[in-house]
Amino acid sequence: MEVVPLTALEPGELARVFAVSGGRGATRRLAELGLTPGAAVRVLSAARGGPVLVEIRGSRIALGRGMAAKVLVRRGG
């Protein structure tokens, strides 16, 4: 399965977190939000240039595009 940044997914797509790139602070913040390797994530909306709204572990989270690009996912969940 293909590994892509979270920003490459279309609304409605399901994926699993493969890895999180970036510094310690970004990695820790994303982990606090539940974005850890193996977690299932569904993109709810992703406006061009705007935030990415995802559902993960029963919660909805809005991520800025820069932060969402640090999350690498494997398509298909």
Foldseek 3Di string as FASTA:
>chain_A
DDKAFQLPDAAFWKWFFQQFDDDPVLRVVCVVVVLHGGWMKGFHHHDVQAWTWIATPNDIDTHHPVSSRRTITGTDD
